[in-house]
Amino acid sequence: MNPVLCLVTDRHRLGPAWETALVEHVREAAREGVHLVQIRERDLDGGPLARLVSSCVEAVRGTRTRVLVNDRLDVALAAGAHGVHLRADSFGARRARACAPPPFLIGRSVHSLAETMAATEEGATDYLVFGTVFETSSKPGLAVAGVAGLAAVAGATRLPVLAIGGVTAARIGEVMAAGASGVAGIRMFDTSRRVP
């Protein structure tokens, strides 16, 4: 089985012309076969975020790539996104499902076995993103779950689990062997447009 690939955006890595660069990055990722793009611009106001999401939805048109908005169901629906990705401490997936037309995707971040079980039991969620799996420079000093933690989570749910945190192309085989359905990340999808 080929891994599900999820690009997570971070406009702060793209410099002053971030909007154009981010949309082009999403377009290229879609052309390369990335399955999901999570627009994770948590400090961006609703109007600019909706404009960005709309541009990204247009950029992936005609591909199988689906655009999801981090935790902003209102923006996802208004901008025509394909889904929403909920934080671990966000509102329930059932609430999101009740507001969204099919085939809207709903994902959730989880960081423990308990959160995984709660998300699974609630229902209405299509996939989970679990981490942090490996050490990552974006969150230095954060405790990591490792491959064993990932395996425990993947084995405890029927939902597809994507591994996040320090995942590189070289580690995809390792996380897939642990039961993950794919990977999510920011740095592993970096291009030459990034800024130091």
N, C-alpha and C. Protein backbone atom coordinates (compact mmCIF):
# COMPACT_ATOMS: atom_id res chain seq x y z
N MET A 1 0.84 -1.19 0.00
CA MET A 1 0.00 0.00 0.00
C MET A 1 0.88 1.25 0.00
N ASN A 2 0.59 2.18 -0.89
CA ASN A 2 1.34 3.43 -0.93
C ASN A 2 0.92 4.32 0.22
N PRO A 3 1.87 5.06 0.83
CA PRO A 3 1.52 5.91 1.96
C PRO A 3 0.68 7.12 1.54
N VAL A 4 -0.25 7.50 2.40
CA VAL A 4 -0.96 8.76 2.23
C VAL A 4 0.01 9.87 2.60
N LEU A 5 0.12 10.88 1.75
CA LEU A 5 1.04 12.00 1.98
C LEU A 5 0.25 13.26 2.26
N CYS A 6 0.57 13.90 3.38
CA CYS A 6 -0.13 15.12 3.79
C CYS A 6 0.86 16.25 4.00
N LEU A 7 0.78 17.26 3.17
CA LEU A 7 1.59 18.47 3.30
C LEU A 7 0.91 19.39 4.30
N VAL A 8 1.65 19.84 5.30
CA VAL A 8 1.15 20.81 6.27
C VAL A 8 1.84 22.14 5.96
N THR A 9 1.07 23.21 5.80
CA THR A 9 1.66 24.48 5.38
C THR A 9 2.20 25.28 6.56
N ASP A 10 3.18 26.12 6.25
CA ASP A 10 3.74 27.07 7.21
C ASP A 10 4.26 28.26 6.41
N ARG A 11 3.44 29.29 6.30
CA ARG A 11 3.80 30.42 5.45
C ARG A 11 5.01 31.18 5.98
N HIS A 12 5.31 31.05 7.27
CA HIS A 12 6.44 31.77 7.86
C HIS A 12 7.78 31.32 7.30
N ARG A 13 7.80 30.20 6.63
CA ARG A 13 9.03 29.69 6.03
C ARG A 13 9.24 30.19 4.60
N LEU A 14 8.29 30.98 4.09
CA LEU A 14 8.30 31.31 2.67
C LEU A 14 8.67 32.75 2.33
N GLY A 15 8.97 33.56 3.32
CA GLY A 15 9.41 34.92 3.04
C GLY A 15 8.27 35.89 2.77
N PRO A 16 8.60 37.13 2.35
CA PRO A 16 7.60 38.20 2.20
C PRO A 16 6.51 37.90 1.17
N ALA A 17 6.85 37.20 0.09
CA ALA A 17 5.86 36.88 -0.94
C ALA A 17 5.24 35.51 -0.65
N TRP A 18 4.91 35.28 0.63
CA TRP A 18 4.49 33.95 1.07
C TRP A 18 3.22 33.45 0.37
N GLU A 19 2.27 34.35 0.09
CA GLU A 19 1.00 33.88 -0.45
C GLU A 19 1.17 33.23 -1.82
N THR A 20 1.86 33.91 -2.70
CA THR A 20 2.12 33.35 -4.03
C THR A 20 2.95 32.08 -3.93
N ALA A 21 3.97 32.11 -3.06
CA ALA A 21 4.85 30.96 -2.91
C ALA A 21 4.10 29.76 -2.34
N LEU A 22 3.22 30.01 -1.37
CA LEU A 22 2.49 28.91 -0.75
C LEU A 22 1.53 28.26 -1.74
N VAL A 23 0.80 29.07 -2.48
CA VAL A 23 -0.14 28.52 -3.47
C VAL A 23 0.61 27.72 -4.53
N GLU A 24 1.76 28.22 -4.97
CA GLU A 24 2.55 27.49 -5.96
C GLU A 24 3.10 26.19 -5.37
N HIS A 25 3.49 26.24 -4.11
CA HIS A 25 3.98 25.03 -3.42
C HIS A 25 2.88 23.97 -3.37
N VAL A 26 1.66 24.39 -3.08
CA VAL A 26 0.52 23.48 -3.04
C VAL A 26 0.25 22.92 -4.44
N ARG A 27 0.32 23.77 -5.45
CA ARG A 27 0.10 23.33 -6.83
C ARG A 27 1.13 22.26 -7.23
N GLU A 28 2.39 22.50 -6.89
CA GLU A 28 3.44 21.54 -7.22
C GLU A 28 3.24 20.23 -6.46
N ALA A 29 2.86 20.34 -5.18
CA ALA A 29 2.63 19.14 -4.37
C ALA A 29 1.51 18.30 -4.97
N ALA A 30 0.46 18.96 -5.43
CA ALA A 30 -0.66 18.24 -6.06
C ALA A 30 -0.19 17.54 -7.33
N ARG A 31 0.62 18.22 -8.12
CA ARG A 31 1.15 17.60 -9.34
C ARG A 31 2.03 16.39 -9.03
N GLU A 32 2.70 16.44 -7.90
CA GLU A 32 3.60 15.35 -7.51
C GLU A 32 2.86 14.21 -6.81
N GLY A 33 1.55 14.37 -6.56
CA GLY A 33 0.77 13.27 -6.00
C GLY A 33 0.48 13.32 -4.52
N VAL A 34 0.74 14.46 -3.87
CA VAL A 34 0.37 14.59 -2.46
C VAL A 34 -1.15 14.47 -2.34
N HIS A 35 -1.60 13.70 -1.36
CA HIS A 35 -3.03 13.42 -1.23
C HIS A 35 -3.80 14.51 -0.48
N LEU A 36 -3.20 15.02 0.59
CA LEU A 36 -3.87 16.01 1.44
C LEU A 36 -2.96 17.21 1.64
N VAL A 37 -3.57 18.39 1.70
CA VAL A 37 -2.86 19.61 2.08
C VAL A 37 -3.62 20.22 3.25
N GLN A 38 -2.95 20.31 4.38
CA GLN A 38 -3.56 20.94 5.55
C GLN A 38 -3.08 22.38 5.63
N ILE A 39 -4.00 23.32 5.42
CA ILE A 39 -3.67 24.75 5.54
C ILE A 39 -3.66 25.06 7.04
N ARG A 40 -2.45 25.15 7.58
CA ARG A 40 -2.28 25.29 9.03
C ARG A 40 -1.68 26.66 9.34
N GLU A 41 -2.44 27.68 9.05
CA GLU A 41 -1.99 29.06 9.27
C GLU A 41 -2.82 29.63 10.42
N ARG A 42 -2.50 29.18 11.63
CA ARG A 42 -3.36 29.42 12.79
C ARG A 42 -3.46 30.88 13.21
N ASP A 43 -2.47 31.69 12.85
CA ASP A 43 -2.49 33.10 13.26
C ASP A 43 -2.98 34.02 12.14
N LEU A 44 -3.53 33.46 11.10
CA LEU A 44 -4.04 34.26 9.98
C LEU A 44 -5.52 34.54 10.19
N ASP A 45 -5.92 35.79 10.05
CA ASP A 45 -7.33 36.17 10.23
C ASP A 45 -8.22 35.49 9.19
N GLY A 46 -9.52 35.44 9.50
CA GLY A 46 -10.48 34.71 8.68
C GLY A 46 -10.51 35.11 7.22
N GLY A 47 -10.52 36.43 6.93
CA GLY A 47 -10.60 36.89 5.54
C GLY A 47 -9.41 36.46 4.71
N PRO A 48 -8.19 36.80 5.15
CA PRO A 48 -7.01 36.35 4.40
C PRO A 48 -6.88 34.83 4.34
N LEU A 49 -7.29 34.15 5.40
CA LEU A 49 -7.23 32.69 5.40
C LEU A 49 -8.18 32.12 4.36
N ALA A 50 -9.39 32.65 4.30
CA ALA A 50 -10.37 32.18 3.31
C ALA A 50 -9.86 32.42 1.89
N ARG A 51 -9.24 33.56 1.66
CA ARG A 51 -8.68 33.85 0.33
C ARG A 51 -7.58 32.85 -0.02
N LEU A 52 -6.72 32.57 0.95
CA LEU A 52 -5.64 31.61 0.73
C LEU A 52 -6.19 30.22 0.43
N VAL A 53 -7.16 29.79 1.22
CA VAL A 53 -7.75 28.46 1.03
C VAL A 53 -8.40 28.37 -0.34
N SER A 54 -9.15 29.39 -0.73
CA SER A 54 -9.79 29.39 -2.05
C SER A 54 -8.76 29.25 -3.16
N SER A 55 -7.64 29.96 -3.02
CA SER A 55 -6.57 29.89 -4.03
C SER A 55 -5.96 28.50 -4.08
N CYS A 56 -5.80 27.88 -2.91
CA CYS A 56 -5.23 26.53 -2.86
C CYS A 56 -6.19 25.50 -3.44
N VAL A 57 -7.49 25.66 -3.17
CA VAL A 57 -8.49 24.76 -3.75
C VAL A 57 -8.45 24.85 -5.27
N GLU A 58 -8.32 26.07 -5.78
CA GLU A 58 -8.23 26.26 -7.24
C GLU A 58 -6.93 25.64 -7.77
N ALA A 59 -5.85 25.75 -6.99
CA ALA A 59 -4.56 25.24 -7.44
C ALA A 59 -4.54 23.72 -7.59
N VAL A 60 -5.37 23.02 -6.82
CA VAL A 60 -5.38 21.55 -6.89
C VAL A 60 -6.50 21.02 -7.78
N ARG A 61 -7.30 21.91 -8.35
CA ARG A 61 -8.43 21.47 -9.18
C ARG A 61 -7.94 20.56 -10.31
N GLY A 62 -8.66 19.47 -10.52
CA GLY A 62 -8.29 18.52 -11.55
C GLY A 62 -7.31 17.44 -11.08
N THR A 63 -6.91 17.50 -9.80
CA THR A 63 -6.04 16.48 -9.23
C THR A 63 -6.82 15.74 -8.14
N ARG A 64 -6.20 14.73 -7.57
CA ARG A 64 -6.86 14.01 -6.48
C ARG A 64 -6.54 14.62 -5.11
N THR A 65 -5.73 15.66 -5.08
CA THR A 65 -5.34 16.31 -3.83
C THR A 65 -6.54 17.01 -3.20
N ARG A 66 -6.65 16.88 -1.88
CA ARG A 66 -7.74 17.51 -1.13
C ARG A 66 -7.17 18.52 -0.15
N VAL A 67 -7.80 19.69 -0.07
CA VAL A 67 -7.36 20.78 0.79
C VAL A 67 -8.22 20.80 2.05
N LEU A 68 -7.54 20.81 3.21
CA LEU A 68 -8.23 20.88 4.50
C LEU A 68 -7.74 22.10 5.26
N VAL A 69 -8.60 22.66 6.09
CA VAL A 69 -8.25 23.84 6.87
C VAL A 69 -8.09 23.45 8.32
N ASN A 70 -7.01 23.90 8.92
CA ASN A 70 -6.74 23.60 10.31
C ASN A 70 -7.75 24.29 11.23
N ASP A 71 -8.65 23.50 11.81
CA ASP A 71 -9.54 23.88 12.90
C ASP A 71 -10.58 24.96 12.59
N ARG A 72 -10.58 25.55 11.42
CA ARG A 72 -11.54 26.60 11.09
C ARG A 72 -12.59 26.04 10.15
N LEU A 73 -13.60 25.39 10.74
CA LEU A 73 -14.68 24.81 9.95
C LEU A 73 -15.40 25.89 9.15
N ASP A 74 -15.60 27.06 9.75
CA ASP A 74 -16.29 28.15 9.06
C ASP A 74 -15.56 28.55 7.79
N VAL A 75 -14.25 28.68 7.88
CA VAL A 75 -13.44 29.06 6.71
C VAL A 75 -13.44 27.93 5.68
N ALA A 76 -13.31 26.70 6.15
CA ALA A 76 -13.31 25.56 5.23
C ALA A 76 -14.58 25.53 4.40
N LEU A 77 -15.71 25.73 5.05
CA LEU A 77 -16.99 25.70 4.33
C LEU A 77 -17.14 26.90 3.40
N ALA A 78 -16.77 28.07 3.89
CA ALA A 78 -16.93 29.30 3.09
C ALA A 78 -16.01 29.32 1.87
N ALA A 79 -14.83 28.73 2.01
CA ALA A 79 -13.84 28.79 0.93
C ALA A 79 -13.89 27.58 0.01
N GLY A 80 -14.80 26.64 0.26
CA GLY A 80 -14.93 25.49 -0.61
C GLY A 80 -13.86 24.44 -0.43
N ALA A 81 -13.26 24.38 0.77
CA ALA A 81 -12.25 23.36 1.05
C ALA A 81 -12.89 21.97 1.05
N HIS A 82 -12.04 20.97 0.96
CA HIS A 82 -12.52 19.59 0.93
C HIS A 82 -12.69 19.00 2.33
N GLY A 83 -12.25 19.75 3.36
CA GLY A 83 -12.37 19.22 4.70
C GLY A 83 -11.77 20.15 5.74
N VAL A 84 -11.79 19.65 6.98
CA VAL A 84 -11.24 20.38 8.11
C VAL A 84 -10.38 19.42 8.93
N HIS A 85 -9.31 19.95 9.49
CA HIS A 85 -8.48 19.16 10.38
C HIS A 85 -8.57 19.76 11.79
N LEU A 86 -9.09 18.98 12.73
CA LEU A 86 -9.35 19.47 14.08
C LEU A 86 -8.16 19.21 15.01
N ARG A 87 -7.89 20.18 15.86
CA ARG A 87 -6.88 19.98 16.91
C ARG A 87 -7.39 18.93 17.89
N ALA A 88 -6.50 18.40 18.70
CA ALA A 88 -6.89 17.39 19.69
C ALA A 88 -7.90 17.96 20.68
N ASP A 89 -7.77 19.24 21.00
CA ASP A 89 -8.65 19.86 22.01
C ASP A 89 -9.78 20.68 21.38
N SER A 90 -10.07 20.46 20.12
CA SER A 90 -11.10 21.22 19.42
C SER A 90 -12.48 20.61 19.65
N PHE A 91 -13.47 21.20 19.01
CA PHE A 91 -14.85 20.71 19.12
C PHE A 91 -14.97 19.33 18.47
N GLY A 92 -16.08 18.67 18.72
CA GLY A 92 -16.27 17.30 18.27
C GLY A 92 -16.43 17.15 16.77
N ALA A 93 -15.97 16.02 16.26
CA ALA A 93 -16.10 15.74 14.84
C ALA A 93 -17.56 15.59 14.42
N ARG A 94 -18.40 15.10 15.31
CA ARG A 94 -19.83 14.97 14.96
C ARG A 94 -20.45 16.33 14.69
N ARG A 95 -20.04 17.32 15.46
CA ARG A 95 -20.54 18.68 15.24
C ARG A 95 -20.14 19.18 13.86
N ALA A 96 -18.89 18.92 13.50
CA ALA A 96 -18.42 19.32 12.16
C ALA A 96 -19.17 18.56 11.08
N ARG A 97 -19.36 17.28 11.28
CA ARG A 97 -20.05 16.45 10.29
C ARG A 97 -21.48 16.94 10.06
N ALA A 98 -22.13 17.40 11.11
CA ALA A 98 -23.51 17.87 10.99
C ALA A 98 -23.62 19.13 10.13
N CYS A 99 -22.54 19.89 10.04
CA CYS A 99 -22.56 21.15 9.29
C CYS A 99 -22.05 21.01 7.86
N ALA A 100 -21.42 19.89 7.56
CA ALA A 100 -20.69 19.78 6.30
C ALA A 100 -21.39 18.87 5.30
N PRO A 101 -21.32 19.24 4.03
CA PRO A 101 -21.90 18.38 2.99
C PRO A 101 -20.95 17.23 2.67
N PRO A 102 -21.47 16.06 2.30
CA PRO A 102 -20.58 14.98 1.87
C PRO A 102 -19.95 15.36 0.52
N PRO A 103 -18.77 14.92 0.22
CA PRO A 103 -17.89 14.01 0.97
C PRO A 103 -16.82 14.76 1.76
N PHE A 104 -17.19 15.65 2.62
CA PHE A 104 -16.30 16.48 3.42
C PHE A 104 -15.43 15.59 4.31
N LEU A 105 -14.11 15.84 4.32
CA LEU A 105 -13.19 15.08 5.14
C LEU A 105 -13.00 15.74 6.51
N ILE A 106 -12.92 14.92 7.54
CA ILE A 106 -12.66 15.42 8.89
C ILE A 106 -11.52 14.61 9.49
N GLY A 107 -10.45 15.32 9.83
CA GLY A 107 -9.32 14.70 10.49
C GLY A 107 -9.14 15.27 11.87
N ARG A 108 -8.36 14.58 12.70
CA ARG A 108 -8.09 15.08 14.05
C ARG A 108 -6.67 14.73 14.45
N SER A 109 -6.02 15.67 15.12
CA SER A 109 -4.71 15.41 15.71
C SER A 109 -4.89 14.69 17.04
N VAL A 110 -4.05 13.71 17.29
CA VAL A 110 -4.04 13.01 18.58
C VAL A 110 -2.60 12.86 19.03
N HIS A 111 -2.42 12.83 20.36
CA HIS A 111 -1.06 12.75 20.92
C HIS A 111 -0.91 11.62 21.91
N SER A 112 -1.94 10.83 22.09
CA SER A 112 -1.89 9.74 23.06
C SER A 112 -2.87 8.65 22.68
N LEU A 113 -2.73 7.53 23.34
CA LEU A 113 -3.66 6.42 23.13
C LEU A 113 -5.06 6.81 23.57
N ALA A 114 -5.16 7.54 24.69
CA ALA A 114 -6.47 7.97 25.20
C ALA A 114 -7.19 8.87 24.20
N GLU A 115 -6.47 9.84 23.62
CA GLU A 115 -7.09 10.72 22.62
C GLU A 115 -7.49 9.94 21.37
N THR A 116 -6.68 8.96 21.02
CA THR A 116 -6.99 8.11 19.86
C THR A 116 -8.28 7.35 20.09
N MET A 117 -8.42 6.76 21.27
CA MET A 117 -9.62 5.99 21.58
C MET A 117 -10.86 6.88 21.60
N ALA A 118 -10.72 8.08 22.18
CA ALA A 118 -11.85 9.01 22.24
C ALA A 118 -12.31 9.41 20.84
N ALA A 119 -11.35 9.71 19.97
CA ALA A 119 -11.69 10.11 18.59
C ALA A 119 -12.34 8.95 17.84
N THR A 120 -11.84 7.75 18.07
CA THR A 120 -12.40 6.57 17.40
C THR A 120 -13.82 6.30 17.86
N GLU A 121 -14.03 6.38 19.16
CA GLU A 121 -15.35 6.09 19.73
C GLU A 121 -16.38 7.15 19.34
N GLU A 122 -15.95 8.40 19.21
CA GLU A 122 -16.90 9.45 18.84
C GLU A 122 -17.46 9.20 17.44
N GLY A 123 -16.63 8.67 16.55
CA GLY A 123 -17.06 8.50 15.17
C GLY A 123 -16.98 9.83 14.42
N ALA A 124 -17.37 9.82 13.16
CA ALA A 124 -17.44 11.01 12.29
C ALA A 124 -16.07 11.50 11.83
N THR A 125 -14.99 10.87 12.29
CA THR A 125 -13.65 11.26 11.88
C THR A 125 -13.16 10.32 10.78
N ASP A 126 -12.50 10.87 9.77
CA ASP A 126 -12.02 10.07 8.65
C ASP A 126 -10.59 9.57 8.82
N TYR A 127 -9.77 10.34 9.54
CA TYR A 127 -8.37 9.95 9.74
C TYR A 127 -7.82 10.68 10.96
N LEU A 128 -6.69 10.19 11.47
CA LEU A 128 -6.00 10.79 12.61
C LEU A 128 -4.57 11.14 12.20
N VAL A 129 -4.04 12.20 12.80
CA VAL A 129 -2.63 12.51 12.67
C VAL A 129 -2.02 12.37 14.06
N PHE A 130 -1.04 11.49 14.20
CA PHE A 130 -0.45 11.20 15.51
C PHE A 130 1.01 11.66 15.56
N GLY A 131 1.36 12.32 16.65
CA GLY A 131 2.74 12.73 16.86
C GLY A 131 2.89 13.35 18.23
N THR A 132 4.05 13.68 18.56
CA THR A 132 5.24 13.75 17.72
C THR A 132 5.95 12.39 17.76
N VAL A 133 6.27 11.85 16.58
CA VAL A 133 6.86 10.52 16.52
C VAL A 133 8.37 10.56 16.74
N PHE A 134 9.07 11.45 16.04
CA PHE A 134 10.51 11.58 16.17
C PHE A 134 10.86 13.00 16.61
N GLU A 135 12.09 13.18 17.09
CA GLU A 135 12.54 14.52 17.45
C GLU A 135 12.50 15.42 16.22
N THR A 136 12.09 16.67 16.46
CA THR A 136 12.01 17.62 15.35
C THR A 136 12.50 18.98 15.82
N SER A 137 13.21 19.67 14.95
CA SER A 137 13.74 20.99 15.30
C SER A 137 12.65 22.03 15.45
N SER A 138 11.46 21.76 14.91
CA SER A 138 10.37 22.74 15.05
C SER A 138 9.77 22.73 16.46
N LYS A 139 9.97 21.61 17.18
CA LYS A 139 9.49 21.52 18.56
C LYS A 139 10.57 20.89 19.43
N PRO A 140 11.67 21.62 19.64
CA PRO A 140 12.80 21.05 20.38
C PRO A 140 12.41 20.75 21.83
N GLY A 141 12.93 19.64 22.33
CA GLY A 141 12.69 19.27 23.72
C GLY A 141 11.36 18.59 23.99
N LEU A 142 10.52 18.49 22.97
CA LEU A 142 9.22 17.85 23.15
C LEU A 142 9.40 16.34 23.25
N ALA A 143 8.69 15.72 24.19
CA ALA A 143 8.75 14.26 24.32
C ALA A 143 8.22 13.63 23.04
N VAL A 144 8.88 12.57 22.60
CA VAL A 144 8.47 11.90 21.38
C VAL A 144 7.91 10.52 21.70
N ALA A 145 6.99 10.07 20.86
CA ALA A 145 6.34 8.78 21.07
C ALA A 145 7.17 7.63 20.52
N GLY A 146 7.96 7.91 19.50
CA GLY A 146 8.73 6.87 18.86
C GLY A 146 7.86 5.93 18.04
N VAL A 147 8.52 4.99 17.41
CA VAL A 147 7.82 4.03 16.57
C VAL A 147 6.90 3.15 17.41
N ALA A 148 7.32 2.84 18.64
CA ALA A 148 6.49 1.99 19.51
C ALA A 148 5.18 2.69 19.85
N GLY A 149 5.24 3.98 20.14
CA GLY A 149 4.02 4.73 20.44
C GLY A 149 3.11 4.81 19.24
N LEU A 150 3.69 5.00 18.07
CA LEU A 150 2.93 5.03 16.82
C LEU A 150 2.24 3.68 16.59
N ALA A 151 2.97 2.59 16.80
CA ALA A 151 2.41 1.25 16.59
C ALA A 151 1.24 1.00 17.54
N ALA A 152 1.36 1.47 18.79
CA ALA A 152 0.28 1.27 19.76
C ALA A 152 -0.98 2.01 19.32
N VAL A 153 -0.82 3.22 18.84
CA VAL A 153 -1.96 4.02 18.39
C VAL A 153 -2.58 3.42 17.13
N ALA A 154 -1.74 3.08 16.16
CA ALA A 154 -2.26 2.52 14.90
C ALA A 154 -2.99 1.20 15.14
N GLY A 155 -2.52 0.43 16.13
CA GLY A 155 -3.15 -0.85 16.43
C GLY A 155 -4.43 -0.75 17.23
N ALA A 156 -4.69 0.46 17.76
CA ALA A 156 -5.85 0.63 18.64
C ALA A 156 -7.05 1.25 17.95
N THR A 157 -6.92 1.57 16.65
CA THR A 157 -8.03 2.23 15.95
C THR A 157 -8.19 1.65 14.54
N ARG A 158 -9.41 1.71 14.06
CA ARG A 158 -9.67 1.29 12.68
C ARG A 158 -9.42 2.45 11.71
N LEU A 159 -9.23 3.66 12.25
CA LEU A 159 -9.03 4.83 11.40
C LEU A 159 -7.60 4.87 10.85
N PRO A 160 -7.43 5.40 9.65
CA PRO A 160 -6.07 5.60 9.13
C PRO A 160 -5.33 6.59 10.03
N VAL A 161 -4.08 6.28 10.31
CA VAL A 161 -3.24 7.13 11.16
C VAL A 161 -2.06 7.62 10.34
N LEU A 162 -1.87 8.95 10.32
CA LEU A 162 -0.72 9.55 9.66
C LEU A 162 0.28 9.96 10.73
N ALA A 163 1.54 9.64 10.53
CA ALA A 163 2.59 9.97 11.48
C ALA A 163 3.12 11.37 11.19
N ILE A 164 3.34 12.16 12.26
CA ILE A 164 3.90 13.51 12.09
C ILE A 164 4.98 13.73 13.15
N GLY A 165 5.91 14.58 12.82
CA GLY A 165 6.96 14.95 13.76
C GLY A 165 8.27 14.26 13.44
N GLY A 166 9.17 14.96 12.77
CA GLY A 166 10.48 14.42 12.47
C GLY A 166 10.49 13.34 11.40
N VAL A 167 9.38 13.19 10.70
CA VAL A 167 9.31 12.17 9.66
C VAL A 167 10.02 12.67 8.40
N THR A 168 10.89 11.84 7.88
CA THR A 168 11.61 12.15 6.64
C THR A 168 11.28 11.07 5.61
N ALA A 169 11.68 11.31 4.39
CA ALA A 169 11.45 10.31 3.34
C ALA A 169 12.10 8.98 3.72
N ALA A 170 13.26 9.05 4.38
CA ALA A 170 13.97 7.83 4.76
C ALA A 170 13.25 7.04 5.85
N ARG A 171 12.35 7.70 6.59
CA ARG A 171 11.65 7.04 7.68
C ARG A 171 10.25 6.55 7.31
N ILE A 172 9.81 6.81 6.10
CA ILE A 172 8.45 6.43 5.70
C ILE A 172 8.25 4.92 5.83
N GLY A 173 9.22 4.14 5.39
CA GLY A 173 9.10 2.69 5.50
C GLY A 173 8.94 2.24 6.94
N GLU A 174 9.67 2.89 7.84
CA GLU A 174 9.63 2.55 9.26
C GLU A 174 8.26 2.83 9.86
N VAL A 175 7.68 3.98 9.52
CA VAL A 175 6.37 4.31 10.11
C VAL A 175 5.26 3.47 9.47
N MET A 176 5.42 3.12 8.21
CA MET A 176 4.43 2.25 7.57
C MET A 176 4.48 0.85 8.19
N ALA A 177 5.68 0.38 8.50
CA ALA A 177 5.83 -0.93 9.13
C ALA A 177 5.21 -0.94 10.52
N ALA A 178 5.13 0.23 11.16
CA ALA A 178 4.53 0.33 12.49
C ALA A 178 3.00 0.41 12.43
N GLY A 179 2.44 0.43 11.23
CA GLY A 179 0.99 0.43 11.09
C GLY A 179 0.38 1.73 10.63
N ALA A 180 1.22 2.74 10.39
CA ALA A 180 0.69 4.02 9.90
C ALA A 180 0.19 3.85 8.47
N SER A 181 -0.77 4.68 8.11
CA SER A 181 -1.29 4.70 6.74
C SER A 181 -0.58 5.73 5.88
N GLY A 182 0.21 6.57 6.53
CA GLY A 182 0.91 7.60 5.79
C GLY A 182 1.63 8.56 6.71
N VAL A 183 2.03 9.69 6.14
CA VAL A 183 2.83 10.67 6.88
C VAL A 183 2.31 12.08 6.62
N ALA A 184 2.55 12.94 7.58
CA ALA A 184 2.23 14.36 7.45
C ALA A 184 3.45 15.16 7.88
N GLY A 185 3.65 16.30 7.27
CA GLY A 185 4.80 17.09 7.66
C GLY A 185 4.90 18.40 6.92
N ILE A 186 5.81 19.23 7.42
CA ILE A 186 6.12 20.51 6.80
C ILE A 186 7.45 20.40 6.07
N ARG A 187 8.50 20.11 6.83
CA ARG A 187 9.86 20.12 6.28
C ARG A 187 10.10 19.07 5.20
N MET A 188 9.46 17.91 5.31
CA MET A 188 9.74 16.87 4.33
C MET A 188 9.25 17.24 2.93
N PHE A 189 8.41 18.29 2.87
CA PHE A 189 7.91 18.75 1.57
C PHE A 189 8.52 20.09 1.17
N ASP A 190 9.55 20.54 1.89
CA ASP A 190 10.18 21.83 1.60
C ASP A 190 10.72 21.86 0.18
N THR A 191 10.72 23.07 -0.37
CA THR A 191 11.30 23.28 -1.70
C THR A 191 12.37 24.35 -1.60
N SER A 192 12.94 24.69 -2.71
CA SER A 192 14.02 25.67 -2.73
C SER A 192 13.54 27.08 -2.40
N ARG A 193 12.22 27.30 -2.32
CA ARG A 193 11.70 28.63 -2.02
C ARG A 193 11.74 28.97 -0.54
N ARG A 194 12.12 28.02 0.29
CA ARG A 194 12.12 28.31 1.72
C ARG A 194 13.15 29.36 2.06
N VAL A 195 12.94 30.02 3.18
CA VAL A 195 13.89 31.03 3.63
C VAL A 195 14.64 30.49 4.83
N PRO A 196 15.88 30.93 5.07
CA PRO A 196 16.63 30.43 6.22
C PRO A 196 16.03 30.89 7.53
